[in-house]
Amino acid sequence: MATSYELTYIVRPDLDADAKKTLVERFDKILADNGANIAKSADWANRRFAYEIAGYREGTYHVVDFTADDNKAAAEFDRLAKISSDILRHMIVKRDAE
């Protein structure tokens, strides 16, 4: 049975619209190529941070809901997000079975 995940990541606020769209498409493709079925991928909000992250005081939050049979997609996203300078922070949460 597939496991449900919710992934939230924060994109640098100084990326232009085209670069941000390309980034989101690239990371959605990374998930899909590693066995994830994406239910939703959408911007949540531009938010101001409580503290500075990598020199930025705000960022664009992006939320992805997906399912996968194993954690391969989540692990690959995690690995690549850590080395991407365009993603300031990310968090992957396994959702409880409903």
C-alpha atoms as a PDB file:
ATOM      1  CA  MET A   1       0.000   0.000   0.000  1.00  0.00           C
ATOM      2  CA  ALA A   2       1.252   3.471  -0.867  1.00  0.00           C
ATOM      3  CA  THR A   3       2.287   5.889   1.858  1.00  0.00           C
ATOM      4  CA  SER A   4       1.038   9.491   1.828  1.00  0.00           C
ATOM      5  CA  TYR A   5       3.518  12.328   2.299  1.00  0.00           C
ATOM      6  CA  GLU A   6       3.321  16.079   2.645  1.00  0.00           C
ATOM      7  CA  LEU A   7       6.384  18.011   1.566  1.00  0.00           C
ATOM      8  CA  THR A   8       6.878  21.697   2.283  1.00  0.00           C
ATOM      9  CA  TYR A   9       9.833  23.656   0.998  1.00  0.00           C
ATOM     10  CA  ILE A  10      10.837  27.316   1.007  1.00  0.00           C
ATOM     11  CA  VAL A  11      12.083  28.889  -2.210  1.00  0.00           C
ATOM     12  CA  ARG A  12      14.420  31.907  -2.258  1.00  0.00           C
ATOM     13  CA  PRO A  13      12.369  35.110  -2.592  1.00  0.00           C
ATOM     14  CA  ASP A  14      14.667  36.670  -5.217  1.00  0.00           C
ATOM     15  CA  LEU A  15      14.026  34.027  -7.906  1.00  0.00           C
ATOM     16  CA  ASP A  16      12.062  35.426 -10.835  1.00  0.00           C
ATOM     17  CA  ALA A  17       8.784  33.744 -11.805  1.00  0.00           C
ATOM     18  CA  ASP A  18      10.276  31.691 -14.668  1.00  0.00           C
ATOM     19  CA  ALA A  19      13.187  30.403 -12.568  1.00  0.00           C
ATOM     20  CA  LYS A  20      10.807  29.463  -9.732  1.00  0.00           C
ATOM     21  CA  LYS A  21       8.473  27.665 -12.146  1.00  0.00           C
ATOM     22  CA  THR A  22      11.448  25.735 -13.572  1.00  0.00           C
ATOM     23  CA  LEU A  23      12.637  24.826 -10.062  1.00  0.00           C
ATOM     24  CA  VAL A  24       9.197  23.548  -9.005  1.00  0.00           C
ATOM     25  CA  GLU A  25       8.820  21.524 -12.230  1.00  0.00           C
ATOM     26  CA  ARG A  26      12.309  20.046 -11.762  1.00  0.00           C
ATOM     27  CA  PHE A  27      11.632  18.910  -8.206  1.00  0.00           C
ATOM     28  CA  ASP A  28       8.135  17.603  -9.086  1.00  0.00           C
ATOM     29  CA  LYS A  29       9.795  15.560 -11.865  1.00  0.00           C
ATOM     30  CA  ILE A  30      12.405  14.221  -9.403  1.00  0.00           C
ATOM     31  CA  LEU A  31       9.559  12.947  -7.214  1.00  0.00           C
ATOM     32  CA  ALA A  32       7.661  11.442 -10.163  1.00  0.00           C
ATOM     33  CA  ASP A  33      10.765   9.819 -11.660  1.00  0.00           C
ATOM     34  CA  ASN A  34      11.382   8.070  -8.337  1.00  0.00           C
ATOM     35  CA  GLY A  35       7.916   6.536  -8.076  1.00  0.00           C
ATOM     36  CA  ALA A  36       5.798   9.260  -6.454  1.00  0.00           C
ATOM     37  CA  ASN A  37       2.249  10.066  -7.547  1.00  0.00           C
ATOM     38  CA  ILE A  38       1.763  13.802  -7.011  1.00  0.00           C
ATOM     39  CA  ALA A  39      -1.750  14.754  -5.898  1.00  0.00           C
ATOM     40  CA  LYS A  40      -1.086  18.475  -5.404  1.00  0.00           C
ATOM     41  CA  SER A  41       1.830  20.828  -5.976  1.00  0.00           C
ATOM     42  CA  ALA A  42       1.079  24.473  -5.251  1.00  0.00           C
ATOM     43  CA  ASP A  43       2.475  27.626  -3.702  1.00  0.00           C
ATOM     44  CA  TRP A  44       1.129  28.198  -0.221  1.00  0.00           C
ATOM     45  CA  ALA A  45       2.238  31.731   0.624  1.00  0.00           C
ATOM     46  CA  ASN A  46       5.048  34.263   0.779  1.00  0.00           C
ATOM     47  CA  ARG A  47       5.941  34.481   4.433  1.00  0.00           C
ATOM     48  CA  ARG A  48       8.283  36.507   6.571  1.00  0.00           C
ATOM     49  CA  PHE A  49      10.630  34.390   8.721  1.00  0.00           C
ATOM     50  CA  ALA A  50      10.989  34.661  12.471  1.00  0.00           C
ATOM     51  CA  TYR A  51      14.754  34.621  11.930  1.00  0.00           C
ATOM     52  CA  GLU A  52      17.095  35.011   8.980  1.00  0.00           C
ATOM     53  CA  ILE A  53      17.752  31.918   6.828  1.00  0.00           C
ATOM     54  CA  ALA A  54      20.789  32.033   4.532  1.00  0.00           C
ATOM     55  CA  GLY A  55      20.645  35.839   4.482  1.00  0.00           C
ATOM     56  CA  TYR A  56      16.913  36.022   3.640  1.00  0.00           C
ATOM     57  CA  ARG A  57      14.094  37.382   5.816  1.00  0.00           C
ATOM     58  CA  GLU A  58      11.237  35.888   3.742  1.00  0.00           C
ATOM     59  CA  GLY A  59      10.508  33.152   1.222  1.00  0.00           C
ATOM     60  CA  THR A  60       7.862  31.395  -0.858  1.00  0.00           C
ATOM     61  CA  TYR A  61       6.436  28.272   0.736  1.00  0.00           C
ATOM     62  CA  HIS A  62       5.542  25.470  -1.687  1.00  0.00           C
ATOM     63  CA  VAL A  63       3.507  22.410  -0.633  1.00  0.00           C
ATOM     64  CA  VAL A  64       3.442  19.024  -2.393  1.00  0.00           C
ATOM     65  CA  ASP A  65       1.103  16.166  -1.443  1.00  0.00           C
ATOM     66  CA  PHE A  66       2.172  12.826  -2.892  1.00  0.00           C
ATOM     67  CA  THR A  67       1.994   9.078  -2.403  1.00  0.00           C
ATOM     68  CA  ALA A  68       4.749   6.528  -2.937  1.00  0.00           C
ATOM     69  CA  ASP A  69       5.241   2.788  -2.378  1.00  0.00           C
ATOM     70  CA  ASP A  70       8.625   3.331  -0.721  1.00  0.00           C
ATOM     71  CA  ASN A  71      10.707   6.252   0.517  1.00  0.00           C
ATOM     72  CA  LYS A  72      12.910   6.448  -2.597  1.00  0.00           C
ATOM     73  CA  ALA A  73      11.223   9.608  -3.939  1.00  0.00           C
ATOM     74  CA  ALA A  74      11.338  11.368  -0.558  1.00  0.00           C
ATOM     75  CA  ALA A  75      14.989  10.384  -0.035  1.00  0.00           C
ATOM     76  CA  GLU A  76      16.041  11.639  -3.478  1.00  0.00           C
ATOM     77  CA  PHE A  77      14.164  14.927  -2.999  1.00  0.00           C
ATOM     78  CA  ASP A  78      15.833  15.336   0.402  1.00  0.00           C
ATOM     79  CA  ARG A  79      19.288  14.673  -1.044  1.00  0.00           C
ATOM     80  CA  LEU A  80      18.924  17.125  -3.939  1.00  0.00           C
ATOM     81  CA  ALA A  81      17.135  19.837  -1.914  1.00  0.00           C
ATOM     82  CA  LYS A  82      20.043  19.904   0.544  1.00  0.00           C
ATOM     83  CA  ILE A  83      22.467  20.820  -2.244  1.00  0.00           C
ATOM     84  CA  SER A  84      20.163  23.275  -4.035  1.00  0.00           C
ATOM     85  CA  SER A  85      20.902  26.908  -3.228  1.00  0.00           C
ATOM     86  CA  ASP A  86      17.373  27.842  -4.381  1.00  0.00           C
ATOM     87  CA  ILE A  87      15.639  25.845  -1.616  1.00  0.00           C
ATOM     88  CA  LEU A  88      16.249  27.417   1.782  1.00  0.00           C
ATOM     89  CA  ARG A  89      14.541  24.756   3.922  1.00  0.00           C
ATOM     90  CA  HIS A  90      12.393  21.687   3.387  1.00  0.00           C
ATOM     91  CA  MET A  91      10.430  19.218   5.477  1.00  0.00           C
ATOM     92  CA  ILE A  92       8.908  15.876   4.470  1.00  0.00           C
ATOM     93  CA  VAL A  93       6.161  14.472   6.693  1.00  0.00           C
ATOM     94  CA  LYS A  94       4.656  10.992   6.437  1.00  0.00           C
ATOM     95  CA  ARG A  95       0.889  11.277   6.884  1.00  0.00           C
ATOM     96  CA  ASP A  96      -1.103   8.834   9.002  1.00  0.00           C
ATOM     97  CA  ALA A  97      -3.204   6.289   7.143  1.00  0.00           C
ATOM     98  CA  GLU A  98      -6.800   7.406   7.009  1.00  0.00           C
END
